[in-house]
Amino acid sequence: MHQATQSLIIDYLLPKKEVVKQSGLSIATIYRLIKAGKFPAPVAIGTGSVRWKLSDITAWQQSLTPTSKQEG
């Protein structure tokens, strides 16, 4: 018997407060980076309400390059 396995992917929606905490950035900086195309855009969940996908924030974090140590 062949049984197909299916992986279940759960993607949480994070509120603004959690995105600020996860990213270490201020909300003003987050929106500036979104406008520049350097931070994931939120998804609208209702009138005036937005959330960010956890997978988008994680991918953004993984795309960052570590800062180089200065040799002195």
PDB file of N, CA and C in Angstrom:
ATOM      1  N   MET A   1       0.834  -1.185   0.000  1.00  0.00           N
ATOM      2  CA  MET A   1       0.000   0.000   0.000  1.00  0.00           C
ATOM      3  C   MET A   1       0.878   1.248   0.000  1.00  0.00           C
ATOM      4  N   HIS A   2       0.453   2.204  -0.790  1.00  0.00           N
ATOM      5  CA  HIS A   2       1.171   3.478  -0.840  1.00  0.00           C
ATOM      6  C   HIS A   2       0.339   4.529  -0.125  1.00  0.00           C
ATOM      7  N   GLN A   3       0.955   5.141   0.819  1.00  0.00           N
ATOM      8  CA  GLN A   3       0.234   6.139   1.596  1.00  0.00           C
ATOM      9  C   GLN A   3       0.907   7.493   1.390  1.00  0.00           C
ATOM     10  N   ALA A   4       0.145   8.447   0.895  1.00  0.00           N
ATOM     11  CA  ALA A   4       0.684   9.796   0.680  1.00  0.00           C
ATOM     12  C   ALA A   4       0.734  10.523   2.022  1.00  0.00           C
ATOM     13  N   THR A   5       1.877  11.095   2.279  1.00  0.00           N
ATOM     14  CA  THR A   5       1.991  11.874   3.512  1.00  0.00           C
ATOM     15  C   THR A   5       1.846  13.338   3.174  1.00  0.00           C
ATOM     16  N   GLN A   6       1.158  14.015   4.009  1.00  0.00           N
ATOM     17  CA  GLN A   6       0.894  15.419   3.794  1.00  0.00           C
ATOM     18  C   GLN A   6       1.429  16.178   5.000  1.00  0.00           C
ATOM     19  N   SER A   7       2.218  17.200   4.730  1.00  0.00           N
ATOM     20  CA  SER A   7       2.717  17.975   5.856  1.00  0.00           C
ATOM     21  C   SER A   7       1.760  19.130   6.109  1.00  0.00           C
ATOM     22  N   LEU A   8       1.480  19.334   7.344  1.00  0.00           N
ATOM     23  CA  LEU A   8       0.568  20.397   7.757  1.00  0.00           C
ATOM     24  C   LEU A   8       1.401  21.626   8.089  1.00  0.00           C
ATOM     25  N   ILE A   9       1.121  22.707   7.395  1.00  0.00           N
ATOM     26  CA  ILE A   9       1.851  23.942   7.630  1.00  0.00           C
ATOM     27  C   ILE A   9       0.896  24.939   8.279  1.00  0.00           C
ATOM     28  N   ILE A  10       1.301  25.424   9.427  1.00  0.00           N
ATOM     29  CA  ILE A  10       0.503  26.414  10.139  1.00  0.00           C
ATOM     30  C   ILE A  10       1.279  27.723  10.120  1.00  0.00           C
ATOM     31  N   ASP A  11       0.639  28.766   9.638  1.00  0.00           N
ATOM     32  CA  ASP A  11       1.271  30.075   9.575  1.00  0.00           C
ATOM     33  C   ASP A  11       0.474  31.028  10.464  1.00  0.00           C
ATOM     34  N   TYR A  12       1.090  31.500  11.506  1.00  0.00           N
ATOM     35  CA  TYR A  12       0.419  32.386  12.434  1.00  0.00           C
ATOM     36  C   TYR A  12       0.422  33.816  11.926  1.00  0.00           C
ATOM     37  N   LEU A  13      -0.584  34.569  12.297  1.00  0.00           N
ATOM     38  CA  LEU A  13      -0.655  35.984  11.965  1.00  0.00           C
ATOM     39  C   LEU A  13      -0.275  36.781  13.211  1.00  0.00           C
ATOM     40  N   LEU A  14       0.739  37.614  13.060  1.00  0.00           N
ATOM     41  CA  LEU A  14       1.267  38.365  14.195  1.00  0.00           C
ATOM     42  C   LEU A  14       0.748  39.793  14.210  1.00  0.00           C
ATOM     43  N   PRO A  15       0.345  40.288  15.383  1.00  0.00           N
ATOM     44  CA  PRO A  15      -0.055  41.687  15.483  1.00  0.00           C
ATOM     45  C   PRO A  15       1.177  42.596  15.461  1.00  0.00           C
ATOM     46  N   LYS A  16       0.936  43.862  15.239  1.00  0.00           N
ATOM     47  CA  LYS A  16       2.000  44.860  15.144  1.00  0.00           C
ATOM     48  C   LYS A  16       2.950  44.815  16.342  1.00  0.00           C
ATOM     49  N   LYS A  17       2.404  44.706  17.531  1.00  0.00           N
ATOM     50  CA  LYS A  17       3.224  44.677  18.749  1.00  0.00           C
ATOM     51  C   LYS A  17       4.228  43.520  18.731  1.00  0.00           C
ATOM     52  N   GLU A  18       3.789  42.358  18.255  1.00  0.00           N
ATOM     53  CA  GLU A  18       4.662  41.182  18.203  1.00  0.00           C
ATOM     54  C   GLU A  18       5.721  41.335  17.108  1.00  0.00           C
ATOM     55  N   VAL A  19       5.351  41.967  15.995  1.00  0.00           N
ATOM     56  CA  VAL A  19       6.314  42.187  14.913  1.00  0.00           C
ATOM     57  C   VAL A  19       7.414  43.140  15.376  1.00  0.00           C
ATOM     58  N   VAL A  20       7.037  44.167  16.120  1.00  0.00           N
ATOM     59  CA  VAL A  20       8.025  45.099  16.689  1.00  0.00           C
ATOM     60  C   VAL A  20       8.971  44.332  17.612  1.00  0.00           C
ATOM     61  N   LYS A  21       8.409  43.471  18.455  1.00  0.00           N
ATOM     62  CA  LYS A  21       9.211  42.676  19.387  1.00  0.00           C
ATOM     63  C   LYS A  21      10.130  41.705  18.645  1.00  0.00           C
ATOM     64  N   GLN A  22       9.609  41.002  17.654  1.00  0.00           N
ATOM     65  CA  GLN A  22      10.378  39.994  16.908  1.00  0.00           C
ATOM     66  C   GLN A  22      11.497  40.624  16.087  1.00  0.00           C
ATOM     67  N   SER A  23      11.200  41.792  15.497  1.00  0.00           N
ATOM     68  CA  SER A  23      12.165  42.417  14.593  1.00  0.00           C
ATOM     69  C   SER A  23      13.169  43.308  15.309  1.00  0.00           C
ATOM     70  N   GLY A  24      12.777  43.839  16.462  1.00  0.00           N
ATOM     71  CA  GLY A  24      13.644  44.786  17.158  1.00  0.00           C
ATOM     72  C   GLY A  24      13.610  46.173  16.537  1.00  0.00           C
ATOM     73  N   LEU A  25      12.648  46.405  15.650  1.00  0.00           N
ATOM     74  CA  LEU A  25      12.524  47.692  14.966  1.00  0.00           C
ATOM     75  C   LEU A  25      11.307  48.442  15.484  1.00  0.00           C
ATOM     76  N   SER A  26      11.343  49.762  15.351  1.00  0.00           N
ATOM     77  CA  SER A  26      10.169  50.560  15.705  1.00  0.00           C
ATOM     78  C   SER A  26       9.138  50.412  14.593  1.00  0.00           C
ATOM     79  N   ILE A  27       7.887  50.737  14.900  1.00  0.00           N
ATOM     80  CA  ILE A  27       6.842  50.619  13.890  1.00  0.00           C
ATOM     81  C   ILE A  27       7.095  51.594  12.744  1.00  0.00           C
ATOM     82  N   ALA A  28       7.649  52.771  13.047  1.00  0.00           N
ATOM     83  CA  ALA A  28       7.961  53.741  11.992  1.00  0.00           C
ATOM     84  C   ALA A  28       9.016  53.174  11.040  1.00  0.00           C
ATOM     85  N   THR A  29      10.028  52.514  11.588  1.00  0.00           N
ATOM     86  CA  THR A  29      11.076  51.906  10.763  1.00  0.00           C
ATOM     87  C   THR A  29      10.503  50.756   9.938  1.00  0.00           C
ATOM     88  N   ILE A  30       9.632  49.969  10.527  1.00  0.00           N
ATOM     89  CA  ILE A  30       9.003  48.862   9.803  1.00  0.00           C
ATOM     90  C   ILE A  30       8.251  49.391   8.581  1.00  0.00           C
ATOM     91  N   TYR A  31       7.432  50.422   8.765  1.00  0.00           N
ATOM     92  CA  TYR A  31       6.668  50.959   7.639  1.00  0.00           C
ATOM     93  C   TYR A  31       7.567  51.628   6.604  1.00  0.00           C
ATOM     94  N   ARG A  32       8.657  52.226   7.035  1.00  0.00           N
ATOM     95  CA  ARG A  32       9.622  52.821   6.102  1.00  0.00           C
ATOM     96  C   ARG A  32      10.271  51.714   5.255  1.00  0.00           C
ATOM     97  N   LEU A  33      10.627  50.602   5.893  1.00  0.00           N
ATOM     98  CA  LEU A  33      11.221  49.472   5.175  1.00  0.00           C
ATOM     99  C   LEU A  33      10.218  48.806   4.235  1.00  0.00           C
ATOM    100  N   ILE A  34       8.950  48.745   4.639  1.00  0.00           N
ATOM    101  CA  ILE A  34       7.910  48.193   3.769  1.00  0.00           C
ATOM    102  C   ILE A  34       7.809  49.043   2.504  1.00  0.00           C
ATOM    103  N   LYS A  35       7.791  50.349   2.684  1.00  0.00           N
ATOM    104  CA  LYS A  35       7.698  51.270   1.548  1.00  0.00           C
ATOM    105  C   LYS A  35       8.893  51.104   0.609  1.00  0.00           C
ATOM    106  N   ALA A  36      10.067  50.806   1.174  1.00  0.00           N
ATOM    107  CA  ALA A  36      11.287  50.615   0.382  1.00  0.00           C
ATOM    108  C   ALA A  36      11.386  49.196  -0.185  1.00  0.00           C
ATOM    109  N   GLY A  37      10.435  48.328   0.157  1.00  0.00           N
ATOM    110  CA  GLY A  37      10.457  46.953  -0.342  1.00  0.00           C
ATOM    111  C   GLY A  37      11.451  46.064   0.387  1.00  0.00           C
ATOM    112  N   LYS A  38      11.825  46.448   1.611  1.00  0.00           N
ATOM    113  CA  LYS A  38      12.835  45.703   2.353  1.00  0.00           C
ATOM    114  C   LYS A  38      12.279  44.985   3.587  1.00  0.00           C
ATOM    115  N   PHE A  39      10.960  44.997   3.752  1.00  0.00           N
ATOM    116  CA  PHE A  39      10.324  44.325   4.886  1.00  0.00           C
ATOM    117  C   PHE A  39       8.990  43.796   4.386  1.00  0.00           C
ATOM    118  N   PRO A  40       8.555  42.638   4.874  1.00  0.00           N
ATOM    119  CA  PRO A  40       7.292  42.065   4.403  1.00  0.00           C
ATOM    120  C   PRO A  40       6.099  42.971   4.709  1.00  0.00           C
ATOM    121  N   ALA A  41       5.219  43.089   3.749  1.00  0.00           N
ATOM    122  CA  ALA A  41       3.993  43.868   3.936  1.00  0.00           C
ATOM    123  C   ALA A  41       2.994  43.055   4.756  1.00  0.00           C
ATOM    124  N   PRO A  42       2.170  43.733   5.526  1.00  0.00           N
ATOM    125  CA  PRO A  42       1.154  43.019   6.308  1.00  0.00           C
ATOM    126  C   PRO A  42      -0.024  42.614   5.423  1.00  0.00           C
ATOM    127  N   VAL A  43      -0.877  41.766   5.977  1.00  0.00           N
ATOM    128  CA  VAL A  43      -2.122  41.397   5.301  1.00  0.00           C
ATOM    129  C   VAL A  43      -3.273  42.038   6.064  1.00  0.00           C
ATOM    130  N   ALA A  44      -4.248  42.534   5.332  1.00  0.00           N
ATOM    131  CA  ALA A  44      -5.416  43.158   5.957  1.00  0.00           C
ATOM    132  C   ALA A  44      -6.352  42.056   6.448  1.00  0.00           C
ATOM    133  N   ILE A  45      -6.799  42.189   7.676  1.00  0.00           N
ATOM    134  CA  ILE A  45      -7.728  41.182   8.216  1.00  0.00           C
ATOM    135  C   ILE A  45      -9.085  41.797   8.541  1.00  0.00           C
ATOM    136  N   GLY A  46      -9.219  43.074   8.305  1.00  0.00           N
ATOM    137  CA  GLY A  46     -10.475  43.761   8.567  1.00  0.00           C
ATOM    138  C   GLY A  46     -10.257  45.251   8.408  1.00  0.00           C
ATOM    139  N   THR A  47     -11.273  46.013   8.674  1.00  0.00           N
ATOM    140  CA  THR A  47     -11.178  47.456   8.538  1.00  0.00           C
ATOM    141  C   THR A  47     -10.151  48.020   9.508  1.00  0.00           C
ATOM    142  N   GLY A  48      -9.048  48.503   8.956  1.00  0.00           N
ATOM    143  CA  GLY A  48      -8.006  49.111   9.775  1.00  0.00           C
ATOM    144  C   GLY A  48      -7.152  48.140  10.567  1.00  0.00           C
ATOM    145  N   SER A  49      -7.330  46.847  10.360  1.00  0.00           N
ATOM    146  CA  SER A  49      -6.561  45.846  11.088  1.00  0.00           C
ATOM    147  C   SER A  49      -5.632  45.095  10.141  1.00  0.00           C
ATOM    148  N   VAL A  50      -4.374  44.996  10.550  1.00  0.00           N
ATOM    149  CA  VAL A  50      -3.405  44.246   9.752  1.00  0.00           C
ATOM    150  C   VAL A  50      -2.635  43.288  10.641  1.00  0.00           C
ATOM    151  N   ARG A  51      -2.119  42.239  10.033  1.00  0.00           N
ATOM    152  CA  ARG A  51      -1.274  41.258  10.708  1.00  0.00           C
ATOM    153  C   ARG A  51      -0.173  40.868   9.729  1.00  0.00           C
ATOM    154  N   TRP A  52       0.919  40.374  10.274  1.00  0.00           N
ATOM    155  CA  TRP A  52       2.026  39.880   9.452  1.00  0.00           C
ATOM    156  C   TRP A  52       2.087  38.373   9.588  1.00  0.00           C
ATOM    157  N   LYS A  53       2.387  37.689   8.479  1.00  0.00           N
ATOM    158  CA  LYS A  53       2.565  36.236   8.511  1.00  0.00           C
ATOM    159  C   LYS A  53       3.893  35.939   9.198  1.00  0.00           C
ATOM    160  N   LEU A  54       3.868  35.017  10.140  1.00  0.00           N
ATOM    161  CA  LEU A  54       5.075  34.598  10.836  1.00  0.00           C
ATOM    162  C   LEU A  54       6.117  34.107   9.839  1.00  0.00           C
ATOM    163  N   SER A  55       5.687  33.374   8.814  1.00  0.00           N
ATOM    164  CA  SER A  55       6.634  32.851   7.826  1.00  0.00           C
ATOM    165  C   SER A  55       7.335  33.984   7.078  1.00  0.00           C
ATOM    166  N   ASP A  56       6.634  35.087   6.823  1.00  0.00           N
ATOM    167  CA  ASP A  56       7.245  36.237   6.149  1.00  0.00           C
ATOM    168  C   ASP A  56       8.302  36.895   7.036  1.00  0.00           C
ATOM    169  N   ILE A  57       7.993  37.031   8.322  1.00  0.00           N
ATOM    170  CA  ILE A  57       8.937  37.654   9.258  1.00  0.00           C
ATOM    171  C   ILE A  57      10.167  36.752   9.423  1.00  0.00           C
ATOM    172  N   THR A  58       9.946  35.449   9.529  1.00  0.00           N
ATOM    173  CA  THR A  58      11.048  34.501   9.658  1.00  0.00           C
ATOM    174  C   THR A  58      11.943  34.536   8.423  1.00  0.00           C
ATOM    175  N   ALA A  59      11.330  34.561   7.240  1.00  0.00           N
ATOM    176  CA  ALA A  59      12.106  34.625   5.996  1.00  0.00           C
ATOM    177  C   ALA A  59      12.912  35.920   5.933  1.00  0.00           C
ATOM    178  N   TRP A  60      12.321  37.036   6.350  1.00  0.00           N
ATOM    179  CA  TRP A  60      13.027  38.315   6.376  1.00  0.00           C
ATOM    180  C   TRP A  60      14.237  38.223   7.306  1.00  0.00           C
ATOM    181  N   GLN A  61      14.042  37.661   8.496  1.00  0.00           N
ATOM    182  CA  GLN A  61      15.140  37.529   9.452  1.00  0.00           C
ATOM    183  C   GLN A  61      16.264  36.670   8.876  1.00  0.00           C
ATOM    184  N   GLN A  62      15.911  35.595   8.195  1.00  0.00           N
ATOM    185  CA  GLN A  62      16.910  34.702   7.625  1.00  0.00           C
ATOM    186  C   GLN A  62      17.644  35.332   6.447  1.00  0.00           C
ATOM    187  N   SER A  63      17.031  36.326   5.819  1.00  0.00           N
ATOM    188  CA  SER A  63      17.656  36.986   4.672  1.00  0.00           C
ATOM    189  C   SER A  63      18.689  38.021   5.098  1.00  0.00           C
ATOM    190  N   LEU A  64      18.681  38.389   6.364  1.00  0.00           N
ATOM    191  CA  LEU A  64      19.635  39.385   6.842  1.00  0.00           C
ATOM    192  C   LEU A  64      21.026  38.804   6.892  1.00  0.00           C
ATOM    193  N   THR A  65      22.005  39.603   6.548  1.00  0.00           N
ATOM    194  CA  THR A  65      23.381  39.147   6.623  1.00  0.00           C
ATOM    195  C   THR A  65      23.954  39.574   7.956  1.00  0.00           C
ATOM    196  N   PRO A  66      24.740  38.715   8.580  1.00  0.00           N
ATOM    197  CA  PRO A  66      25.350  39.090   9.859  1.00  0.00           C
ATOM    198  C   PRO A  66      26.321  40.243   9.673  1.00  0.00           C
ATOM    199  N   THR A  67      26.402  41.107  10.675  1.00  0.00           N
ATOM    200  CA  THR A  67      27.316  42.233  10.590  1.00  0.00           C
ATOM    201  C   THR A  67      28.745  41.736  10.747  1.00  0.00           C
ATOM    202  N   SER A  68      29.629  42.336  10.021  1.00  0.00           N
ATOM    203  CA  SER A  68      31.042  41.946  10.078  1.00  0.00           C
ATOM    204  C   SER A  68      31.681  42.527  11.327  1.00  0.00           C
ATOM    205  N   LYS A  69      32.543  41.724  11.935  1.00  0.00           N
ATOM    206  CA  LYS A  69      33.286  42.228  13.091  1.00  0.00           C
ATOM    207  C   LYS A  69      34.433  43.093  12.574  1.00  0.00           C
ATOM    208  N   GLN A  70      34.600  44.238  13.209  1.00  0.00           N
ATOM    209  CA  GLN A  70      35.682  45.113  12.800  1.00  0.00           C
ATOM    210  C   GLN A  70      36.970  44.640  13.435  1.00  0.00           C
ATOM    211  N   GLU A  71      37.996  44.587  12.632  1.00  0.00           N
ATOM    212  CA  GLU A  71      39.299  44.196  13.147  1.00  0.00           C
ATOM    213  C   GLU A  71      40.013  45.454  13.621  1.00  0.00           C
ATOM    214  N   GLY A  72      40.617  45.400  14.769  1.00  0.00           N
ATOM    215  CA  GLY A  72      41.208  46.608  15.291  1.00  0.00           C
ATOM    216  C   GLY A  72      42.586  46.515  15.672  1.00  0.00           C
TER     217      GLY A  72
END
